[in-house]
Amino acid sequence: MTSFMSVIVGIGRYALDFLTEDMLVLFYDDATSDLADYSVLIKKSELYGEIEQADILEIDGISYKITAVGDYASHNLRTLGHVTLKFDGADKAHLPGYLHLEGKTPSEIRVGGKLIIEKR
């Protein structure tokens, strides 16, 4: 079951710099310009339920198992479109707004790509 589906509508000037740290920062496309510069911007969408460990996050057709969910990740995604994706497979969230993912850090992100969260 799909619990979240959105589209990448913009990529901030410095957003892809975080890939060297195995991270991506997401925000809805109404983020302030200073936040937008560092973020992958997504279209506002509904999050159904809570994000849970073992759910699957898909970025433009590539699937990642969610290995840890920060305490505020679901709330932040629902209200601000904000979550930090960390591609390190950690089993415990380092920060409250993080989603830790198992899988190789993406080499590219493109406008028009889909972001989907599927329930396990």
C-alpha atoms as a PDB file:
ATOM      1  CA  MET A   1       0.000   0.000   0.000  1.00  0.00           C
ATOM      2  CA  THR A   2       1.306   3.440  -0.919  1.00  0.00           C
ATOM      3  CA  SER A   3       1.411   5.792   2.067  1.00  0.00           C
ATOM      4  CA  PHE A   4       3.082   8.742   0.288  1.00  0.00           C
ATOM      5  CA  MET A   5       3.597   9.752  -3.315  1.00  0.00           C
ATOM      6  CA  SER A   6       5.108  12.977  -4.588  1.00  0.00           C
ATOM      7  CA  VAL A   7       7.126  14.388  -7.464  1.00  0.00           C
ATOM      8  CA  ILE A   8      10.462  16.183  -7.375  1.00  0.00           C
ATOM      9  CA  VAL A   9       9.734  19.689  -8.666  1.00  0.00           C
ATOM     10  CA  GLY A  10      13.032  21.421  -7.962  1.00  0.00           C
ATOM     11  CA  ILE A  11      16.597  20.921  -6.859  1.00  0.00           C
ATOM     12  CA  GLY A  12      18.273  23.617  -4.813  1.00  0.00           C
ATOM     13  CA  ARG A  13      21.623  25.053  -5.830  1.00  0.00           C
ATOM     14  CA  TYR A  14      23.490  23.131  -3.100  1.00  0.00           C
ATOM     15  CA  ALA A  15      21.082  20.217  -2.532  1.00  0.00           C
ATOM     16  CA  LEU A  16      23.115  17.591  -4.362  1.00  0.00           C
ATOM     17  CA  ASP A  17      26.278  18.522  -2.439  1.00  0.00           C
ATOM     18  CA  PHE A  18      24.824  16.460   0.417  1.00  0.00           C
ATOM     19  CA  LEU A  19      25.130  13.299  -1.688  1.00  0.00           C
ATOM     20  CA  THR A  20      28.850  13.260  -0.839  1.00  0.00           C
ATOM     21  CA  GLU A  21      27.721  12.802   2.780  1.00  0.00           C
ATOM     22  CA  ASP A  22      25.186  10.115   1.795  1.00  0.00           C
ATOM     23  CA  MET A  23      22.284  12.486   2.497  1.00  0.00           C
ATOM     24  CA  LEU A  24      19.435  14.331   0.828  1.00  0.00           C
ATOM     25  CA  VAL A  25      17.255  16.993   2.438  1.00  0.00           C
ATOM     26  CA  LEU A  26      13.623  17.184   1.294  1.00  0.00           C
ATOM     27  CA  PHE A  27      11.161  20.058   1.652  1.00  0.00           C
ATOM     28  CA  TYR A  28       7.862  20.961   0.032  1.00  0.00           C
ATOM     29  CA  ASP A  29       8.252  23.429  -2.808  1.00  0.00           C
ATOM     30  CA  ASP A  30       6.957  26.304  -0.680  1.00  0.00           C
ATOM     31  CA  ALA A  31      10.116  26.278   1.484  1.00  0.00           C
ATOM     32  CA  THR A  32      11.818  29.600   2.052  1.00  0.00           C
ATOM     33  CA  SER A  33      14.536  30.415  -0.485  1.00  0.00           C
ATOM     34  CA  ASP A  34      17.377  29.870   1.995  1.00  0.00           C
ATOM     35  CA  LEU A  35      16.061  26.356   2.793  1.00  0.00           C
ATOM     36  CA  ALA A  36      15.248  25.649  -0.857  1.00  0.00           C
ATOM     37  CA  ASP A  37      18.880  26.249  -1.868  1.00  0.00           C
ATOM     38  CA  TYR A  38      19.894  23.168   0.157  1.00  0.00           C
ATOM     39  CA  SER A  39      16.884  20.970  -0.543  1.00  0.00           C
ATOM     40  CA  VAL A  40      15.294  18.658  -3.057  1.00  0.00           C
ATOM     41  CA  LEU A  41      11.856  20.202  -3.437  1.00  0.00           C
ATOM     42  CA  ILE A  42       8.792  17.994  -3.681  1.00  0.00           C
ATOM     43  CA  LYS A  43       5.153  18.686  -4.463  1.00  0.00           C
ATOM     44  CA  LYS A  44       2.881  18.845  -1.413  1.00  0.00           C
ATOM     45  CA  SER A  45       1.251  15.451  -0.892  1.00  0.00           C
ATOM     46  CA  GLU A  46      -0.691  13.530   1.720  1.00  0.00           C
ATOM     47  CA  LEU A  47       1.099  11.105   4.056  1.00  0.00           C
ATOM     48  CA  TYR A  48      -1.238   8.300   5.084  1.00  0.00           C
ATOM     49  CA  GLY A  49      -0.294   6.785   8.427  1.00  0.00           C
ATOM     50  CA  GLU A  50       3.152   6.819   9.982  1.00  0.00           C
ATOM     51  CA  ILE A  51       6.447   5.928   8.359  1.00  0.00           C
ATOM     52  CA  GLU A  52       7.810   2.721   9.885  1.00  0.00           C
ATOM     53  CA  GLN A  53      11.015   0.744   9.877  1.00  0.00           C
ATOM     54  CA  ALA A  54      11.020  -1.749   6.959  1.00  0.00           C
ATOM     55  CA  ASP A  55       8.750   0.425   4.782  1.00  0.00           C
ATOM     56  CA  ILE A  56      10.156   1.003   1.297  1.00  0.00           C
ATOM     57  CA  LEU A  57      11.097   4.443   0.000  1.00  0.00           C
ATOM     58  CA  GLU A  58      11.438   4.699  -3.752  1.00  0.00           C
ATOM     59  CA  ILE A  59      13.241   7.528  -5.516  1.00  0.00           C
ATOM     60  CA  ASP A  60      12.654   7.623  -9.259  1.00  0.00           C
ATOM     61  CA  GLY A  61      12.301   3.849  -9.525  1.00  0.00           C
ATOM     62  CA  ILE A  62      15.106   2.865  -7.105  1.00  0.00           C
ATOM     63  CA  SER A  63      13.918   1.180  -3.892  1.00  0.00           C
ATOM     64  CA  TYR A  64      15.457   1.620  -0.443  1.00  0.00           C
ATOM     65  CA  LYS A  65      14.455  -0.205   2.722  1.00  0.00           C
ATOM     66  CA  ILE A  66      13.857   2.203   5.617  1.00  0.00           C
ATOM     67  CA  THR A  67      16.067   0.951   8.444  1.00  0.00           C
ATOM     68  CA  ALA A  68      15.335   3.635  11.064  1.00  0.00           C
ATOM     69  CA  VAL A  69      12.778   6.431  11.490  1.00  0.00           C
ATOM     70  CA  GLY A  70      13.381   9.550  13.559  1.00  0.00           C
ATOM     71  CA  ASP A  71      10.721  10.510  16.104  1.00  0.00           C
ATOM     72  CA  TYR A  72       9.570  13.540  14.074  1.00  0.00           C
ATOM     73  CA  ALA A  73      10.109  12.247  10.538  1.00  0.00           C
ATOM     74  CA  SER A  74       6.445  11.443   9.825  1.00  0.00           C
ATOM     75  CA  HIS A  75       5.201  14.701  11.362  1.00  0.00           C
ATOM     76  CA  ASN A  76       7.777  16.791   9.495  1.00  0.00           C
ATOM     77  CA  LEU A  77       7.066  15.106   6.166  1.00  0.00           C
ATOM     78  CA  ARG A  78       3.337  15.534   6.651  1.00  0.00           C
ATOM     79  CA  THR A  79       3.493  19.229   7.582  1.00  0.00           C
ATOM     80  CA  LEU A  80       6.590  20.619   5.840  1.00  0.00           C
ATOM     81  CA  GLY A  81       7.607  17.970   3.350  1.00  0.00           C
ATOM     82  CA  HIS A  82      10.824  17.954   5.337  1.00  0.00           C
ATOM     83  CA  VAL A  83      12.850  14.882   6.062  1.00  0.00           C
ATOM     84  CA  THR A  84      16.535  14.093   5.785  1.00  0.00           C
ATOM     85  CA  LEU A  85      17.320  10.892   3.928  1.00  0.00           C
ATOM     86  CA  LYS A  86      20.495   9.216   5.182  1.00  0.00           C
ATOM     87  CA  PHE A  87      21.835   6.382   3.035  1.00  0.00           C
ATOM     88  CA  ASP A  88      23.743   4.502   5.733  1.00  0.00           C
ATOM     89  CA  GLY A  89      21.490   1.608   6.790  1.00  0.00           C
ATOM     90  CA  ALA A  90      21.639   2.632  10.463  1.00  0.00           C
ATOM     91  CA  ASP A  91      19.217   0.768  12.724  1.00  0.00           C
ATOM     92  CA  LYS A  92      18.674   3.750  15.024  1.00  0.00           C
ATOM     93  CA  ALA A  93      17.850   7.303  13.892  1.00  0.00           C
ATOM     94  CA  HIS A  94      20.652   9.775  14.537  1.00  0.00           C
ATOM     95  CA  LEU A  95      18.314  12.780  14.553  1.00  0.00           C
ATOM     96  CA  PRO A  96      14.521  13.163  14.969  1.00  0.00           C
ATOM     97  CA  GLY A  97      13.902  14.176  11.331  1.00  0.00           C
ATOM     98  CA  TYR A  98      15.966  11.426   9.697  1.00  0.00           C
ATOM     99  CA  LEU A  99      14.975   8.420   7.633  1.00  0.00           C
ATOM    100  CA  HIS A 100      17.869   5.975   7.373  1.00  0.00           C
ATOM    101  CA  LEU A 101      17.925   3.903   4.213  1.00  0.00           C
ATOM    102  CA  GLU A 102      19.597   0.702   3.122  1.00  0.00           C
ATOM    103  CA  GLY A 103      21.081   0.928  -0.354  1.00  0.00           C
ATOM    104  CA  LYS A 104      23.571   2.810  -2.444  1.00  0.00           C
ATOM    105  CA  THR A 105      23.415   6.600  -2.377  1.00  0.00           C
ATOM    106  CA  PRO A 106      21.816   7.806  -5.614  1.00  0.00           C
ATOM    107  CA  SER A 107      24.240   9.222  -8.157  1.00  0.00           C
ATOM    108  CA  GLU A 108      21.678  11.621  -9.568  1.00  0.00           C
ATOM    109  CA  ILE A 109      18.336  13.155  -8.732  1.00  0.00           C
ATOM    110  CA  ARG A 110      16.111  14.628 -11.412  1.00  0.00           C
ATOM    111  CA  VAL A 111      13.165  16.992 -11.574  1.00  0.00           C
ATOM    112  CA  GLY A 112      10.098  14.943 -12.440  1.00  0.00           C
ATOM    113  CA  GLY A 113      11.311  11.905 -10.496  1.00  0.00           C
ATOM    114  CA  LYS A 114       8.775  10.267  -8.206  1.00  0.00           C
ATOM    115  CA  LEU A 115       9.182   9.833  -4.459  1.00  0.00           C
ATOM    116  CA  ILE A 116       7.052   7.024  -3.031  1.00  0.00           C
ATOM    117  CA  ILE A 117       6.763   5.366   0.371  1.00  0.00           C
ATOM    118  CA  GLU A 118       5.211   1.899   0.411  1.00  0.00           C
ATOM    119  CA  LYS A 119       4.065   0.131   3.558  1.00  0.00           C
ATOM    120  CA  ARG A 120       5.895  -3.111   4.282  1.00  0.00           C
END
